[in-house]
Amino acid sequence: MEITMTLTVTPEQAAAIAGLLAGSKPLNPPAPPLQSEPLPTAAPQPAAVPAPTAVPVNTAVPVQQEPLPTGIPTQARVYSVNDLAIACRPLMEAGKQPELQALLAEFGAPAGLASVPENRRAEFAGRLRQMGGQI
């Protein structure tokens, strides 16, 4: 992202800005001395004000952005039979054996967790989560 600003400044202000950008201390002009002359009775003429000079100031700061996480895994986690068994235990203790047996049959593994196809174990783990399993 780039930000571009244009400032209108007097030549004195431009010199002060250049000094600040160069790292020098800010220029503080000395206070004008007090005058002890009597005030004029006629209306004073406005002093000539120098025309402001446009000085482009590039304040762009390079920003390094880290890639945002997409939230979508690029590779499915590989679950072992032991991982699935650990997730099934609390469900069995909660009396959900019929649901677990139906899930095993749905995945073509009526003989038990070891017969769940390895390429479908992540999907099986997701279904265990839907049933309340911690995996």
C-alpha atoms as a PDB file:
ATOM      1  CA  MET A   1       0.000   0.000   0.000  1.00  0.00           C
ATOM      2  CA  GLU A   2       1.305   3.446  -0.828  1.00  0.00           C
ATOM      3  CA  ILE A   3       0.121   6.736   0.643  1.00  0.00           C
ATOM      4  CA  THR A   4       0.953   9.978  -1.142  1.00  0.00           C
ATOM      5  CA  MET A   5       0.408  13.360   0.497  1.00  0.00           C
ATOM      6  CA  THR A   6       0.874  16.865  -0.896  1.00  0.00           C
ATOM      7  CA  LEU A   7       1.509  19.649   1.593  1.00  0.00           C
ATOM      8  CA  THR A   8       1.552  23.359   0.882  1.00  0.00           C
ATOM      9  CA  VAL A   9       4.282  25.050   2.931  1.00  0.00           C
ATOM     10  CA  THR A  10       6.398  28.161   2.903  1.00  0.00           C
ATOM     11  CA  PRO A  11      10.088  27.911   1.957  1.00  0.00           C
ATOM     12  CA  GLU A  12      11.013  28.245   5.646  1.00  0.00           C
ATOM     13  CA  GLN A  13       8.687  25.420   6.554  1.00  0.00           C
ATOM     14  CA  ALA A  14      10.106  23.321   3.713  1.00  0.00           C
ATOM     15  CA  ALA A  15      13.623  23.885   5.063  1.00  0.00           C
ATOM     16  CA  ALA A  16      12.481  22.906   8.572  1.00  0.00           C
ATOM     17  CA  ILE A  17      10.804  19.738   7.233  1.00  0.00           C
ATOM     18  CA  ALA A  18      13.910  18.842   5.237  1.00  0.00           C
ATOM     19  CA  GLY A  19      15.991  19.313   8.401  1.00  0.00           C
ATOM     20  CA  LEU A  20      13.653  17.040  10.369  1.00  0.00           C
ATOM     21  CA  LEU A  21      13.777  14.365   7.686  1.00  0.00           C
ATOM     22  CA  ALA A  22      17.569  14.585   7.608  1.00  0.00           C
ATOM     23  CA  GLY A  23      17.631  13.892  11.335  1.00  0.00           C
ATOM     24  CA  SER A  24      18.666  17.316  12.591  1.00  0.00           C
ATOM     25  CA  LYS A  25      17.009  18.977  15.525  1.00  0.00           C
ATOM     26  CA  PRO A  26      13.934  21.112  14.780  1.00  0.00           C
ATOM     27  CA  LEU A  27      14.650  24.705  13.898  1.00  0.00           C
ATOM     28  CA  ASN A  28      13.123  27.026  16.480  1.00  0.00           C
ATOM     29  CA  PRO A  29      13.405  30.617  15.289  1.00  0.00           C
ATOM     30  CA  PRO A  30      14.335  33.030  18.064  1.00  0.00           C
ATOM     31  CA  ALA A  31      11.516  35.165  19.396  1.00  0.00           C
ATOM     32  CA  PRO A  32      11.481  38.658  17.880  1.00  0.00           C
ATOM     33  CA  PRO A  33      12.816  41.357  20.209  1.00  0.00           C
ATOM     34  CA  LEU A  34      10.301  43.585  21.954  1.00  0.00           C
ATOM     35  CA  GLN A  35       9.859  46.971  20.337  1.00  0.00           C
ATOM     36  CA  SER A  36       9.529  50.092  22.399  1.00  0.00           C
ATOM     37  CA  GLU A  37       8.510  52.359  19.517  1.00  0.00           C
ATOM     38  CA  PRO A  38       5.133  54.104  19.663  1.00  0.00           C
ATOM     39  CA  LEU A  39       2.329  52.508  17.734  1.00  0.00           C
ATOM     40  CA  PRO A  40       1.598  54.095  14.358  1.00  0.00           C
ATOM     41  CA  THR A  41      -1.694  55.910  13.975  1.00  0.00           C
ATOM     42  CA  ALA A  42      -2.236  54.911  10.361  1.00  0.00           C
ATOM     43  CA  ALA A  43      -3.448  51.447   9.456  1.00  0.00           C
ATOM     44  CA  PRO A  44      -0.456  49.215   8.848  1.00  0.00           C
ATOM     45  CA  GLN A  45       0.071  47.783   5.389  1.00  0.00           C
ATOM     46  CA  PRO A  46      -0.086  43.992   5.296  1.00  0.00           C
ATOM     47  CA  ALA A  47       3.322  42.461   4.886  1.00  0.00           C
ATOM     48  CA  ALA A  48       3.973  40.553   1.713  1.00  0.00           C
ATOM     49  CA  VAL A  49       3.486  36.896   2.412  1.00  0.00           C
ATOM     50  CA  PRO A  50       5.521  34.604   0.219  1.00  0.00           C
ATOM     51  CA  ALA A  51       3.460  32.264  -1.903  1.00  0.00           C
ATOM     52  CA  PRO A  52       3.267  28.769  -0.432  1.00  0.00           C
ATOM     53  CA  THR A  53       5.339  26.168  -2.196  1.00  0.00           C
ATOM     54  CA  ALA A  54       3.955  22.717  -2.783  1.00  0.00           C
ATOM     55  CA  VAL A  55       6.397  20.130  -1.487  1.00  0.00           C
ATOM     56  CA  PRO A  56       5.488  16.535  -2.249  1.00  0.00           C
ATOM     57  CA  VAL A  57       6.227  14.357   0.735  1.00  0.00           C
ATOM     58  CA  ASN A  58       6.405  10.643   0.158  1.00  0.00           C
ATOM     59  CA  THR A  59       5.519   9.015   3.462  1.00  0.00           C
ATOM     60  CA  ALA A  60       5.092   5.544   2.048  1.00  0.00           C
ATOM     61  CA  VAL A  61       6.377   2.968   4.474  1.00  0.00           C
ATOM     62  CA  PRO A  62       6.894  -0.505   3.076  1.00  0.00           C
ATOM     63  CA  VAL A  63       4.676  -2.920   4.929  1.00  0.00           C
ATOM     64  CA  GLN A  64       5.499  -6.586   4.992  1.00  0.00           C
ATOM     65  CA  GLN A  65       2.348  -8.589   5.307  1.00  0.00           C
ATOM     66  CA  GLU A  66       2.364 -12.150   6.454  1.00  0.00           C
ATOM     67  CA  PRO A  67       0.083 -14.450   4.515  1.00  0.00           C
ATOM     68  CA  LEU A  68      -3.275 -14.837   6.161  1.00  0.00           C
ATOM     69  CA  PRO A  69      -4.264 -18.317   7.213  1.00  0.00           C
ATOM     70  CA  THR A  70      -6.917 -19.677   4.904  1.00  0.00           C
ATOM     71  CA  GLY A  71      -8.509 -21.891   7.508  1.00  0.00           C
ATOM     72  CA  ILE A  72      -8.619 -24.719   4.996  1.00  0.00           C
ATOM     73  CA  PRO A  73      -6.009 -27.389   5.591  1.00  0.00           C
ATOM     74  CA  THR A  74      -4.019 -28.239   2.500  1.00  0.00           C
ATOM     75  CA  GLN A  75      -3.534 -31.825   3.641  1.00  0.00           C
ATOM     76  CA  ALA A  76      -5.858 -34.000   5.677  1.00  0.00           C
ATOM     77  CA  ARG A  77      -4.497 -35.225   8.982  1.00  0.00           C
ATOM     78  CA  VAL A  78      -3.590 -38.883   9.056  1.00  0.00           C
ATOM     79  CA  TYR A  79      -5.402 -40.714  11.865  1.00  0.00           C
ATOM     80  CA  SER A  80      -4.187 -44.000  13.262  1.00  0.00           C
ATOM     81  CA  VAL A  81      -6.471 -46.768  14.482  1.00  0.00           C
ATOM     82  CA  ASN A  82      -5.319 -45.858  17.998  1.00  0.00           C
ATOM     83  CA  ASP A  83      -6.421 -42.208  17.495  1.00  0.00           C
ATOM     84  CA  LEU A  84      -9.876 -43.407  16.466  1.00  0.00           C
ATOM     85  CA  ALA A  85     -10.081 -45.845  19.378  1.00  0.00           C
ATOM     86  CA  ILE A  86      -9.207 -43.133  21.898  1.00  0.00           C
ATOM     87  CA  ALA A  87     -11.963 -40.938  20.444  1.00  0.00           C
ATOM     88  CA  CYS A  88     -14.497 -43.794  20.497  1.00  0.00           C
ATOM     89  CA  ARG A  89     -13.964 -44.781  24.142  1.00  0.00           C
ATOM     90  CA  PRO A  90     -15.890 -41.853  25.759  1.00  0.00           C
ATOM     91  CA  LEU A  91     -18.686 -42.343  23.207  1.00  0.00           C
ATOM     92  CA  MET A  92     -18.949 -46.010  24.126  1.00  0.00           C
ATOM     93  CA  GLU A  93     -18.968 -45.137  27.823  1.00  0.00           C
ATOM     94  CA  ALA A  94     -21.812 -42.714  27.095  1.00  0.00           C
ATOM     95  CA  GLY A  95     -23.863 -45.582  25.674  1.00  0.00           C
ATOM     96  CA  LYS A  96     -23.459 -44.749  21.983  1.00  0.00           C
ATOM     97  CA  GLN A  97     -22.367 -48.240  20.910  1.00  0.00           C
ATOM     98  CA  PRO A  98     -25.303 -48.662  18.455  1.00  0.00           C
ATOM     99  CA  GLU A  99     -24.429 -45.360  16.756  1.00  0.00           C
ATOM    100  CA  LEU A 100     -20.746 -46.352  16.553  1.00  0.00           C
ATOM    101  CA  GLN A 101     -21.636 -49.758  15.068  1.00  0.00           C
ATOM    102  CA  ALA A 102     -23.859 -48.043  12.474  1.00  0.00           C
ATOM    103  CA  LEU A 103     -21.016 -45.647  11.635  1.00  0.00           C
ATOM    104  CA  LEU A 104     -18.565 -48.534  11.224  1.00  0.00           C
ATOM    105  CA  ALA A 105     -21.036 -50.303   8.912  1.00  0.00           C
ATOM    106  CA  GLU A 106     -21.475 -47.084   6.904  1.00  0.00           C
ATOM    107  CA  PHE A 107     -17.724 -46.959   6.364  1.00  0.00           C
ATOM    108  CA  GLY A 108     -17.591 -50.599   5.326  1.00  0.00           C
ATOM    109  CA  ALA A 109     -15.859 -51.670   8.521  1.00  0.00           C
ATOM    110  CA  PRO A 110     -18.293 -53.846  10.518  1.00  0.00           C
ATOM    111  CA  ALA A 111     -15.325 -55.833  11.891  1.00  0.00           C
ATOM    112  CA  GLY A 112     -14.018 -52.818  13.856  1.00  0.00           C
ATOM    113  CA  LEU A 113     -11.831 -49.729  13.682  1.00  0.00           C
ATOM    114  CA  ALA A 114      -8.879 -51.563  12.153  1.00  0.00           C
ATOM    115  CA  SER A 115     -10.938 -52.222   9.026  1.00  0.00           C
ATOM    116  CA  VAL A 116     -11.805 -48.532   8.419  1.00  0.00           C
ATOM    117  CA  PRO A 117     -10.019 -47.751   5.127  1.00  0.00           C
ATOM    118  CA  GLU A 118      -6.964 -45.572   5.741  1.00  0.00           C
ATOM    119  CA  ASN A 119      -8.041 -43.064   3.079  1.00  0.00           C
ATOM    120  CA  ARG A 120     -11.375 -42.535   4.905  1.00  0.00           C
ATOM    121  CA  ARG A 121     -10.093 -42.270   8.496  1.00  0.00           C
ATOM    122  CA  ALA A 122     -10.124 -38.439   8.441  1.00  0.00           C
ATOM    123  CA  GLU A 123     -13.757 -38.520   7.333  1.00  0.00           C
ATOM    124  CA  PHE A 124     -14.515 -41.102  10.048  1.00  0.00           C
ATOM    125  CA  ALA A 125     -12.841 -38.821  12.625  1.00  0.00           C
ATOM    126  CA  GLY A 126     -15.045 -35.945  11.460  1.00  0.00           C
ATOM    127  CA  ARG A 127     -18.151 -38.045  11.980  1.00  0.00           C
ATOM    128  CA  LEU A 128     -16.911 -38.976  15.482  1.00  0.00           C
ATOM    129  CA  ARG A 129     -16.649 -35.230  16.223  1.00  0.00           C
ATOM    130  CA  GLN A 130     -20.245 -34.772  15.100  1.00  0.00           C
ATOM    131  CA  MET A 131     -21.247 -37.444  17.599  1.00  0.00           C
ATOM    132  CA  GLY A 132     -19.387 -35.598  20.370  1.00  0.00           C
ATOM    133  CA  GLY A 133     -16.030 -37.366  20.184  1.00  0.00           C
ATOM    134  CA  GLN A 134     -12.817 -35.548  21.073  1.00  0.00           C
ATOM    135  CA  ILE A 135     -10.331 -36.097  18.264  1.00  0.00           C
END
